[in-house]
Amino acid sequence: MTAPLPLCIIGAGLVGLRHAEVAAASPRIDLTAVVEPDPARRAALRDSGLPSVADLSQVPGHTRAAVVATPTPAHLETARAALALGWPLIVEKPLADTLDNARALIAAADAAGLPLFTGHHRRCHPFVAAAREALGRIGAPVAVQGLWSLRKHDAYYEVPWRTRPGAGPLMTNLSHEIDLLGHLFGRVAEVSALSSNARRGLAIEDTAAMALRFDNGALGSILMSDAGASPWSFEAATGENPTIAASGEDYLRFTGTEGALAFPSLTAWGRSGPGEIEWSKPLARSAGAAFARIDPLRAQVERFAAVVAGGEDDTLCTGPEGRDALEMTLATALSAATGTRIARGTVPGDYDGT
């Protein structure tokens, strides 16, 4: 086994703390520091046994890589400083706040000759890899339907920034779905969206419906809401997030010319006999395999450590793939705001979704 990767976490908010906890628990990681400017948070980190420093200049010199988990508008500045120290990076999603900043971040990593990944950790679940394989067996892609609806508690919106433009489900939750669909089904080329704030009455949307066109010709639809109570979402389906009640209900359905697949259960429908597959013939149903539960954040950082050690990985979300997810997330927000279809390549570089 290779030596543990000396790695620091930059930012100790909710997500940064999770990164620090999984890094500290992994035998493949040597957590050298958590960089956090707030003195009270640093004290809390030390009390919990995690090493903490105020800024990058105080990070131990043997550190070789970092996870950037600062607020999104600070990703570019923070990542540039880390790259200047020679560190390969995972930058939390979204990769940046605008496409211009995402492109600048990718260019900085390329100029430094250092690996850059985006923290779309859902890819690291074993059932996601199995879904990619299973989708290859349902024929040419035809369509996908998704429903993500989790009712956030009323107190969630007592925090002022959560009621301001950019804090609705489009800019806080959709990028997960865009990246996962890109990883499983194909790159999104165009989106048309509607949004509503009718249930909460805030300045931000509480519900959005979108139609997608993929590069491979397939179409898709996604409905997202943080006002509608339901058992259908990635988090509820998988039980990944301990703060969200698990349901075990599928929330994505894929169709192809040879069959269909429900996700994440991987229940599949396909050929039941010879001849053409068509609507007068029943489809054969097969249950998906069961997988041991893992912590995807830990799997992500351990895959990252293997890449830094010289390995290759086709699961981690690259910087350009993170930019793609950001672009179509912004495209959805822009479509909802303007009432027009938005294609890849037409989102203004300085647009931040607000």
Protein backbone atom coordinates (compact mmCIF):
# COMPACT_ATOMS: atom_id res chain seq x y z
CA MET A 1 0.00 0.00 0.00
CA THR A 2 1.28 3.48 -0.87
CA ALA A 3 2.01 5.98 1.88
CA PRO A 4 -0.96 8.11 3.02
CA LEU A 5 -1.46 11.33 1.05
CA PRO A 6 -0.69 14.44 3.15
CA LEU A 7 -3.79 16.53 2.45
CA CYS A 8 -5.41 19.64 3.87
CA ILE A 9 -9.03 20.80 3.82
CA ILE A 10 -9.58 24.49 3.05
CA GLY A 11 -12.80 25.68 4.67
CA ALA A 12 -14.61 24.26 7.70
CA GLY A 13 -18.26 24.87 6.93
CA LEU A 14 -20.71 21.97 6.92
CA VAL A 15 -19.23 20.37 3.80
CA GLY A 16 -15.63 21.12 4.74
CA LEU A 17 -16.14 19.52 8.14
CA ARG A 18 -17.47 16.36 6.49
CA HIS A 19 -14.40 16.27 4.25
CA ALA A 20 -12.16 16.69 7.29
CA GLU A 21 -13.91 13.91 9.18
CA VAL A 22 -13.66 11.37 6.34
CA ALA A 23 -10.05 12.35 5.60
CA ALA A 24 -9.12 11.86 9.25
CA ALA A 25 -10.80 8.44 9.25
CA SER A 26 -9.09 7.16 6.07
CA PRO A 27 -5.82 5.21 6.30
CA ARG A 28 -4.99 6.50 2.82
CA ILE A 29 -5.00 10.14 3.95
CA ASP A 30 -2.75 12.06 6.33
CA LEU A 31 -4.89 15.06 7.31
CA THR A 32 -2.29 17.77 7.84
CA ALA A 33 -4.60 20.72 8.54
CA VAL A 34 -8.05 22.24 8.21
CA VAL A 35 -7.71 25.85 7.09
CA GLU A 36 -10.33 28.03 8.76
CA PRO A 37 -10.03 31.79 9.42
CA ASP A 38 -12.76 31.93 12.08
CA PRO A 39 -11.19 31.52 15.57
CA ALA A 40 -14.27 29.93 17.13
CA ARG A 41 -14.47 27.30 14.40
CA ARG A 42 -10.75 26.58 14.72
CA ALA A 43 -11.19 26.04 18.45
CA ALA A 44 -14.10 23.67 17.80
CA LEU A 45 -11.97 21.74 15.29
CA ARG A 46 -9.16 21.38 17.80
CA ASP A 47 -11.61 20.26 20.48
CA SER A 48 -12.79 17.51 18.15
CA GLY A 49 -9.21 16.36 17.52
CA LEU A 50 -8.77 17.87 14.05
CA PRO A 51 -5.68 19.96 13.23
CA SER A 52 -6.58 23.54 12.35
CA VAL A 53 -4.75 26.63 11.11
CA ALA A 54 -5.83 30.14 10.18
CA ASP A 55 -4.46 30.38 6.63
CA LEU A 56 -2.49 28.58 3.93
CA SER A 57 0.85 29.93 5.17
CA GLN A 58 0.45 27.85 8.34
CA VAL A 59 -0.25 24.52 6.59
CA PRO A 60 2.55 21.99 7.29
CA GLY A 61 5.15 21.97 4.54
CA HIS A 62 4.85 18.27 3.72
CA THR A 63 1.24 18.75 2.50
CA ARG A 64 0.85 17.55 -1.09
CA ALA A 65 -2.83 18.11 -1.99
CA ALA A 66 -6.00 19.87 -0.88
CA VAL A 67 -9.79 19.88 -0.92
CA VAL A 68 -11.28 23.36 -1.47
CA ALA A 69 -14.53 23.70 0.48
CA THR A 70 -14.78 27.47 0.85
CA PRO A 71 -17.94 29.37 -0.20
CA THR A 72 -18.41 29.05 -3.96
CA PRO A 73 -17.54 32.69 -4.84
CA ALA A 74 -14.12 32.15 -3.22
CA HIS A 75 -13.29 28.94 -5.12
CA LEU A 76 -11.19 30.59 -7.83
CA GLU A 77 -9.04 32.69 -5.49
CA THR A 78 -8.56 29.81 -3.03
CA ALA A 79 -7.77 27.27 -5.73
CA ARG A 80 -5.23 29.54 -7.40
CA ALA A 81 -3.42 29.96 -4.08
CA ALA A 82 -3.41 26.20 -3.53
CA LEU A 83 -2.22 25.47 -7.06
CA ALA A 84 0.63 27.95 -6.54
CA LEU A 85 1.79 25.69 -3.71
CA GLY A 86 1.90 22.74 -6.13
CA TRP A 87 -1.17 20.94 -4.79
CA PRO A 88 -3.54 18.79 -6.87
CA LEU A 89 -7.11 19.70 -5.95
CA ILE A 90 -10.65 18.58 -5.41
CA VAL A 91 -12.83 21.71 -5.57
CA GLU A 92 -16.30 21.33 -4.10
CA LYS A 93 -19.27 21.63 -6.44
CA PRO A 94 -20.18 23.83 -8.07
CA LEU A 95 -16.69 24.33 -9.47
CA ALA A 96 -17.11 28.13 -9.44
CA ASP A 97 -19.81 30.78 -9.29
CA THR A 98 -19.59 31.73 -12.99
CA LEU A 99 -18.38 30.10 -16.20
CA ASP A 100 -15.64 32.70 -16.58
CA ASN A 101 -14.27 31.77 -13.16
CA ALA A 102 -14.61 28.05 -13.85
CA ARG A 103 -12.64 28.44 -17.07
CA ALA A 104 -9.99 30.49 -15.28
CA LEU A 105 -9.67 27.82 -12.60
CA ILE A 106 -9.26 25.05 -15.17
CA ALA A 107 -6.68 27.14 -17.04
CA ALA A 108 -4.73 27.71 -13.83
CA ALA A 109 -4.61 23.96 -13.12
CA ASP A 110 -3.56 23.22 -16.71
CA ALA A 111 -0.81 25.86 -16.54
CA ALA A 112 0.46 24.34 -13.30
CA GLY A 113 0.26 20.82 -14.72
CA LEU A 114 -1.75 19.65 -11.71
CA PRO A 115 -4.83 17.41 -11.42
CA LEU A 116 -8.12 19.21 -10.79
CA PHE A 117 -11.35 17.45 -9.87
CA THR A 118 -14.84 18.70 -8.98
CA GLY A 119 -16.46 17.29 -5.85
CA HIS A 120 -19.42 15.51 -7.43
CA HIS A 121 -19.09 12.60 -5.01
CA ARG A 122 -22.27 10.74 -6.06
CA ARG A 123 -20.27 9.18 -8.89
CA CYS A 124 -18.30 7.18 -6.31
CA HIS A 125 -21.19 4.98 -5.16
CA PRO A 126 -20.82 1.39 -6.43
CA PHE A 127 -24.42 1.37 -7.69
CA VAL A 128 -23.61 4.33 -9.96
CA ALA A 129 -20.88 2.32 -11.68
CA ALA A 130 -23.32 -0.58 -11.99
CA ALA A 131 -25.93 1.76 -13.49
CA ARG A 132 -23.52 2.86 -16.22
CA GLU A 133 -23.01 -0.77 -17.17
CA ALA A 134 -26.73 -1.58 -16.99
CA LEU A 135 -27.66 1.39 -19.19
CA GLY A 136 -25.48 -0.11 -21.89
CA ARG A 137 -27.90 -3.03 -22.04
CA ILE A 138 -31.15 -1.12 -22.68
CA GLY A 139 -30.30 -0.14 -26.25
CA ALA A 140 -29.99 3.33 -27.73
CA PRO A 141 -30.92 6.03 -25.18
CA VAL A 142 -34.44 7.39 -25.61
CA ALA A 143 -35.43 9.33 -22.48
CA VAL A 144 -35.02 9.87 -18.75
CA GLN A 145 -37.53 11.10 -16.20
CA GLY A 146 -36.53 12.42 -12.77
CA LEU A 147 -38.39 13.62 -9.70
CA TRP A 148 -36.50 15.29 -6.83
CA SER A 149 -38.89 16.60 -4.19
CA LEU A 150 -37.81 17.08 -0.58
CA ARG A 151 -39.66 19.47 1.70
CA LYS A 152 -37.14 21.58 3.58
CA HIS A 153 -38.25 22.51 7.10
CA ASP A 154 -39.60 26.03 7.63
CA ALA A 155 -36.73 26.95 9.97
CA TYR A 156 -34.29 26.33 7.10
CA TYR A 157 -35.40 29.66 5.63
CA GLU A 158 -34.91 31.60 8.85
CA VAL A 159 -31.27 32.01 7.75
CA PRO A 160 -31.35 35.22 5.66
CA TRP A 161 -29.07 34.15 2.79
CA ARG A 162 -31.27 31.14 2.11
CA THR A 163 -34.08 33.43 0.96
CA ARG A 164 -31.98 35.44 -1.48
CA PRO A 165 -31.62 34.92 -5.25
CA GLY A 166 -29.45 31.92 -6.02
CA ALA A 167 -30.42 29.98 -2.89
CA GLY A 168 -33.34 28.03 -4.38
CA PRO A 169 -33.17 24.40 -5.49
CA LEU A 170 -31.97 25.29 -8.99
CA MET A 171 -28.63 26.71 -7.82
CA THR A 172 -28.23 24.62 -4.66
CA ASN A 173 -29.41 21.15 -5.71
CA LEU A 174 -29.66 20.84 -9.49
CA SER A 175 -25.94 20.56 -10.27
CA HIS A 176 -25.92 17.14 -8.58
CA GLU A 177 -28.56 15.90 -11.00
CA ILE A 178 -26.97 17.46 -14.08
CA ASP A 179 -23.60 15.86 -13.35
CA LEU A 180 -25.10 12.48 -12.52
CA LEU A 181 -27.13 12.44 -15.73
CA GLY A 182 -24.05 13.46 -17.71
CA HIS A 183 -22.06 10.65 -16.10
CA LEU A 184 -24.77 8.04 -16.69
CA PHE A 185 -26.73 9.03 -19.77
CA GLY A 186 -24.95 11.69 -21.81
CA ARG A 187 -24.00 15.33 -21.92
CA VAL A 188 -26.89 17.81 -21.69
CA ALA A 189 -27.02 20.12 -24.71
CA GLU A 190 -30.12 22.26 -24.14
CA VAL A 191 -32.65 23.05 -21.42
CA SER A 192 -36.02 24.73 -21.11
CA ALA A 193 -37.31 25.49 -17.61
CA LEU A 194 -40.24 26.89 -15.66
CA SER A 195 -40.07 27.93 -12.01
CA SER A 196 -42.56 28.88 -9.31
CA ASN A 197 -42.45 30.40 -5.83
CA ALA A 198 -46.17 29.87 -5.24
CA ARG A 199 -45.89 27.67 -2.14
CA ARG A 200 -43.35 29.59 -0.04
CA GLY A 201 -43.81 33.03 -1.58
CA LEU A 202 -40.12 33.90 -1.29
CA ALA A 203 -37.99 35.76 -3.82
CA ILE A 204 -36.48 32.40 -4.83
CA GLU A 205 -38.16 29.49 -6.55
CA ASP A 206 -39.44 26.56 -4.51
CA THR A 207 -40.33 24.39 -7.52
CA ALA A 208 -38.96 24.04 -11.03
CA ALA A 209 -39.73 21.85 -14.04
CA MET A 210 -37.27 21.41 -16.88
CA ALA A 211 -36.99 19.68 -20.23
CA LEU A 212 -33.57 18.51 -21.39
CA ARG A 213 -32.06 17.58 -24.74
CA PHE A 214 -28.91 15.44 -24.71
CA ASP A 215 -26.10 15.34 -27.25
CA ASN A 216 -27.04 11.73 -28.05
CA GLY A 217 -30.55 12.77 -29.11
CA ALA A 218 -32.31 11.55 -25.97
CA LEU A 219 -34.76 13.78 -24.11
CA GLY A 220 -35.35 14.17 -20.39
CA SER A 221 -37.54 15.84 -17.82
CA ILE A 222 -36.80 16.73 -14.21
CA LEU A 223 -39.10 18.18 -11.59
CA MET A 224 -37.45 19.68 -8.50
CA SER A 225 -39.08 21.09 -5.39
CA ASP A 226 -38.09 21.88 -1.83
CA ALA A 227 -41.73 22.61 -0.94
CA GLY A 228 -43.30 19.31 -2.01
CA ALA A 229 -43.17 16.42 0.46
CA SER A 230 -42.30 13.12 -1.23
CA PRO A 231 -40.15 9.97 -0.93
CA TRP A 232 -38.52 10.64 -4.31
CA SER A 233 -34.99 12.05 -4.39
CA PHE A 234 -31.44 10.77 -4.59
CA GLU A 235 -30.93 11.37 -0.88
CA ALA A 236 -34.11 9.58 0.16
CA ALA A 237 -33.56 6.76 -2.32
CA THR A 238 -30.04 6.01 -1.13
CA GLY A 239 -30.03 7.07 2.51
CA GLU A 240 -26.72 8.79 1.74
CA ASN A 241 -27.38 11.86 3.88
CA PRO A 242 -28.02 11.03 7.56
CA THR A 243 -30.07 14.23 8.01
CA ILE A 244 -32.60 13.17 5.32
CA ALA A 245 -35.05 10.33 5.94
CA ALA A 246 -34.48 7.30 3.71
CA SER A 247 -37.30 5.87 1.60
CA GLY A 248 -35.63 3.42 -0.77
CA GLU A 249 -37.83 4.71 -3.61
CA ASP A 250 -36.37 5.12 -7.11
CA TYR A 251 -36.31 8.68 -8.41
CA LEU A 252 -34.91 8.28 -11.96
CA ARG A 253 -36.30 6.17 -14.81
CA PHE A 254 -34.35 5.60 -18.03
CA THR A 255 -35.76 4.17 -21.26
CA GLY A 256 -33.93 2.81 -24.27
CA THR A 257 -34.85 1.01 -27.46
CA GLU A 258 -34.28 -2.37 -25.79
CA GLY A 259 -35.60 -1.81 -22.27
CA ALA A 260 -35.67 0.40 -19.19
CA LEU A 261 -33.86 0.96 -15.89
CA ALA A 262 -34.96 2.42 -12.55
CA PHE A 263 -32.36 4.17 -10.41
CA PRO A 264 -30.87 3.64 -7.91
CA SER A 265 -32.42 0.19 -7.34
CA LEU A 266 -31.24 -0.88 -10.84
CA THR A 267 -34.49 -2.73 -11.42
CA ALA A 268 -34.40 -3.48 -15.15
CA TRP A 269 -36.95 -4.38 -17.81
CA GLY A 270 -35.92 -5.98 -21.08
CA ARG A 271 -36.39 -8.64 -23.69
CA SER A 272 -38.68 -11.53 -22.70
CA GLY A 273 -38.40 -13.49 -25.95
CA PRO A 274 -37.25 -13.46 -29.58
CA GLY A 275 -38.33 -10.96 -32.16
CA GLU A 276 -39.00 -7.27 -32.03
CA ILE A 277 -39.50 -5.61 -28.66
CA GLU A 278 -42.84 -3.81 -28.92
CA TRP A 279 -45.85 -2.91 -26.83
CA SER A 280 -47.84 -6.13 -27.26
CA LYS A 281 -45.08 -8.19 -25.62
CA PRO A 282 -44.45 -8.10 -21.88
CA LEU A 283 -41.02 -7.02 -20.70
CA ALA A 284 -39.00 -9.25 -18.43
CA ARG A 285 -38.28 -7.66 -15.04
CA SER A 286 -35.05 -8.27 -13.15
CA ALA A 287 -34.00 -6.99 -9.76
CA GLY A 288 -30.81 -5.02 -9.32
CA ALA A 289 -27.86 -6.20 -7.27
CA ALA A 290 -27.42 -5.16 -3.65
CA PHE A 291 -24.35 -3.16 -2.65
CA ALA A 292 -22.68 -2.54 0.66
CA ARG A 293 -23.12 1.01 1.88
CA ILE A 294 -20.10 3.27 1.63
CA ASP A 295 -19.28 6.87 2.43
CA PRO A 296 -18.96 8.41 -1.06
CA LEU A 297 -16.91 11.36 0.24
CA ARG A 298 -14.37 8.94 1.63
CA ALA A 299 -14.37 6.92 -1.59
CA GLN A 300 -13.84 10.14 -3.54
CA VAL A 301 -10.83 11.30 -1.53
CA GLU A 302 -9.28 7.83 -1.61
CA ARG A 303 -9.66 7.70 -5.40
CA PHE A 304 -8.08 11.15 -5.50
CA ALA A 305 -5.15 9.92 -3.41
CA ALA A 306 -4.61 7.09 -5.88
CA VAL A 307 -4.50 9.57 -8.78
CA VAL A 308 -2.01 11.81 -6.96
CA ALA A 309 0.12 8.70 -6.44
CA GLY A 310 0.22 8.18 -10.22
CA GLY A 311 -2.92 6.18 -10.90
CA GLU A 312 -5.78 6.78 -13.32
CA ASP A 313 -9.49 7.13 -12.62
CA ASP A 314 -12.52 7.43 -14.92
CA THR A 315 -15.06 7.98 -12.13
CA LEU A 316 -13.95 11.21 -10.46
CA CYS A 317 -15.49 14.36 -11.94
CA THR A 318 -12.82 16.30 -13.81
CA GLY A 319 -12.57 20.08 -13.86
CA PRO A 320 -14.06 20.33 -17.38
CA GLU A 321 -16.91 17.98 -16.42
CA GLY A 322 -17.59 20.16 -13.39
CA ARG A 323 -17.67 23.18 -15.68
CA ASP A 324 -20.22 21.38 -17.89
CA ALA A 325 -22.47 20.68 -14.90
CA LEU A 326 -22.17 24.32 -13.81
CA GLU A 327 -22.98 25.57 -17.32
CA MET A 328 -26.22 23.63 -17.67
CA THR A 329 -27.23 24.48 -14.10
CA LEU A 330 -26.80 28.15 -14.94
CA ALA A 331 -28.59 27.55 -18.26
CA THR A 332 -31.59 26.20 -16.35
CA ALA A 333 -31.73 29.24 -14.06
CA LEU A 334 -31.42 31.54 -17.09
CA SER A 335 -34.15 29.67 -18.97
CA ALA A 336 -36.52 29.93 -16.01
CA ALA A 337 -35.78 33.66 -15.71
CA THR A 338 -36.18 34.47 -19.41
CA GLY A 339 -38.75 31.94 -20.60
CA THR A 340 -36.49 30.77 -23.42
CA ARG A 341 -34.60 27.62 -24.31
CA ILE A 342 -30.91 27.87 -23.46
CA ALA A 343 -28.29 25.81 -25.29
CA ARG A 344 -24.78 24.96 -24.20
CA GLY A 345 -22.40 27.71 -25.28
CA THR A 346 -24.90 30.57 -24.87
CA VAL A 347 -24.73 31.24 -21.11
CA PRO A 348 -22.94 34.57 -20.45
CA GLY A 349 -19.59 34.03 -18.82
CA ASP A 350 -20.34 36.37 -15.91
CA TYR A 351 -23.83 35.01 -15.15
CA ASP A 352 -24.11 33.55 -11.63
CA GLY A 353 -27.70 32.34 -11.63
CA THR A 354 -29.12 35.39 -9.88
